[in-house]
Structure formats: structure tokens, C-alpha cells
Amino acid sequence: GVVRPVDCGREPVKPVLVEWWDAHSATDQWCPVDDIDTERRVIRTLGWLIRRDRDHLFVAQSWDKETGCVDAVLKIPRPNVMSCRPPGPRTWWGRFG
């Protein structure tokens, strides 16, 4: 599919908080099948939504407004996305907030 820029008015990108299910290792050694981790791993990604297509969200860690360049772009499969919303005052900022 064609990847298109996100239309956010004046800005070509917007800040987002994406919660999504990650693929992760279910074992760290040989083990019985009944001992395999079956829990979902929920990841919270805070960044700049720069593009989307029918299969993925493209979230950049950094965006240079002057040049329009981005860095560290994560391509998240849409079926794994639980939510995608603007970060708000209740966003957990860890040790920085």
C-alpha cells in the first residue's frame, strides 16, 4: 500500500502515545510447553506519528521541525495497536515527570 503523511493541519506530524502488543520471547531456555509465558506484553511508545498506511503506524522517536527529518522510526503493525492518542496531562513520564 501507499504510505501517506498524516494530515494534522499545519504540522506534518503529531505527538502520540501508542499502546501496543509486542512480540517477545516466551522462553529463555528449554522448558515444557506448559511453562511457556502466555501473557501479552503491552508496550507504551511515546513519539511522533509521521505516517500510517493500512497495515502500520510509523512513530518517530525524534523530529527536527526545521529540516523535517526524523530519527528512530518504529513501524508498529496495526493489528497490535490497542490505542493511539495524543499524550495528555495523565501520561506517565517516569522519573522525568
Protein backbone atom coordinates (compact mmCIF):
# COMPACT_ATOMS: atom_id res chain seq x y z
CA GLY A 1 0.00 0.00 0.00
CA VAL A 2 0.91 3.62 -0.41
CA VAL A 3 2.32 5.33 2.68
CA ARG A 4 0.87 8.80 3.14
CA PRO A 5 1.73 11.65 5.50
CA VAL A 6 -0.62 12.17 8.43
CA ASP A 7 -2.77 15.26 7.90
CA CYS A 8 -2.55 17.23 11.14
CA GLY A 9 -3.29 20.75 9.91
CA ARG A 10 -0.20 22.95 9.86
CA GLU A 11 2.17 20.29 11.22
CA PRO A 12 3.05 17.17 9.20
CA VAL A 13 3.42 15.15 12.42
CA LYS A 14 1.76 14.98 15.81
CA PRO A 15 2.80 13.68 19.23
CA VAL A 16 1.17 10.37 20.16
CA LEU A 17 1.14 7.76 22.87
CA VAL A 18 0.71 4.30 21.32
CA GLU A 19 -0.09 1.24 23.42
CA TRP A 20 0.51 -1.99 21.54
CA TRP A 21 1.14 -5.70 21.97
CA ASP A 22 4.77 -6.60 21.36
CA ALA A 23 6.20 -9.85 20.04
CA HIS A 24 8.64 -11.15 22.62
CA SER A 25 10.45 -14.30 23.60
CA ALA A 26 8.19 -16.62 25.58
CA THR A 27 11.09 -18.68 26.95
CA ASP A 28 14.71 -18.07 27.85
CA GLN A 29 15.72 -21.74 27.90
CA TRP A 30 14.39 -25.20 27.07
CA CYS A 31 11.20 -25.85 29.02
CA PRO A 32 7.99 -27.88 28.98
CA VAL A 33 5.25 -26.47 26.74
CA ASP A 34 3.01 -25.88 29.78
CA ASP A 35 5.66 -23.50 31.25
CA ILE A 36 5.63 -21.12 28.25
CA ASP A 37 4.77 -17.49 29.06
CA THR A 38 1.33 -16.79 27.53
CA GLU A 39 0.90 -13.23 28.83
CA ARG A 40 0.69 -10.35 26.36
CA ARG A 41 3.45 -7.77 26.60
CA VAL A 42 1.96 -4.26 26.38
CA ILE A 43 4.38 -1.57 25.21
CA ARG A 44 3.85 2.18 25.54
CA THR A 45 5.59 4.20 22.84
CA LEU A 46 5.67 8.00 23.06
CA GLY A 47 6.77 9.74 19.87
CA TRP A 48 5.76 11.50 16.66
CA LEU A 49 3.19 9.90 14.36
CA ILE A 50 4.74 10.61 10.96
CA ARG A 51 2.88 8.25 8.64
CA ARG A 52 0.33 5.49 8.55
CA ASP A 53 -0.83 3.01 5.97
CA ARG A 54 -3.47 0.31 6.18
CA ASP A 55 -1.01 -2.09 7.88
CA HIS A 56 1.26 0.06 10.10
CA LEU A 57 1.71 3.19 12.20
CA PHE A 58 5.11 4.88 11.79
CA VAL A 59 6.23 6.55 15.04
CA ALA A 60 9.49 8.54 15.20
CA GLN A 61 11.45 8.99 18.42
CA SER A 62 12.73 12.40 17.29
CA TRP A 63 11.63 15.02 14.75
CA ASP A 64 13.58 18.09 13.60
CA LYS A 65 10.92 20.70 12.81
CA GLU A 66 13.38 22.87 10.87
CA THR A 67 14.53 20.18 8.41
CA GLY A 68 11.56 17.81 8.61
CA CYS A 69 13.95 14.91 9.27
CA VAL A 70 13.11 12.12 11.73
CA ASP A 71 15.12 9.52 13.64
CA ALA A 72 14.49 6.08 15.16
CA VAL A 73 11.21 5.30 13.38
CA LEU A 74 9.24 2.37 14.79
CA LYS A 75 6.89 0.56 12.39
CA ILE A 76 4.05 -0.84 14.52
CA PRO A 77 1.63 -3.36 12.93
CA ARG A 78 -1.94 -2.01 13.20
CA PRO A 79 -3.40 -5.33 14.46
CA ASN A 80 -1.09 -4.96 17.50
CA VAL A 81 -2.25 -1.41 18.35
CA MET A 82 -4.51 -1.18 21.40
CA SER A 83 -4.72 2.63 21.40
CA CYS A 84 -3.17 5.67 19.74
CA ARG A 85 -3.91 9.06 21.28
CA PRO A 86 -2.31 12.43 21.97
CA PRO A 87 -0.29 12.40 25.20
CA GLY A 88 -2.13 14.26 27.91
CA PRO A 89 -1.59 15.53 31.43
CA ARG A 90 -2.13 11.99 32.78
CA THR A 91 0.68 10.50 30.65
CA TRP A 92 3.21 8.69 32.82
CA TRP A 93 6.61 10.35 32.32
CA GLY A 94 8.61 8.05 34.60
CA ARG A 95 11.40 9.70 36.55
CA PHE A 96 11.15 12.85 34.41
CA GLY A 97 7.58 13.79 35.34
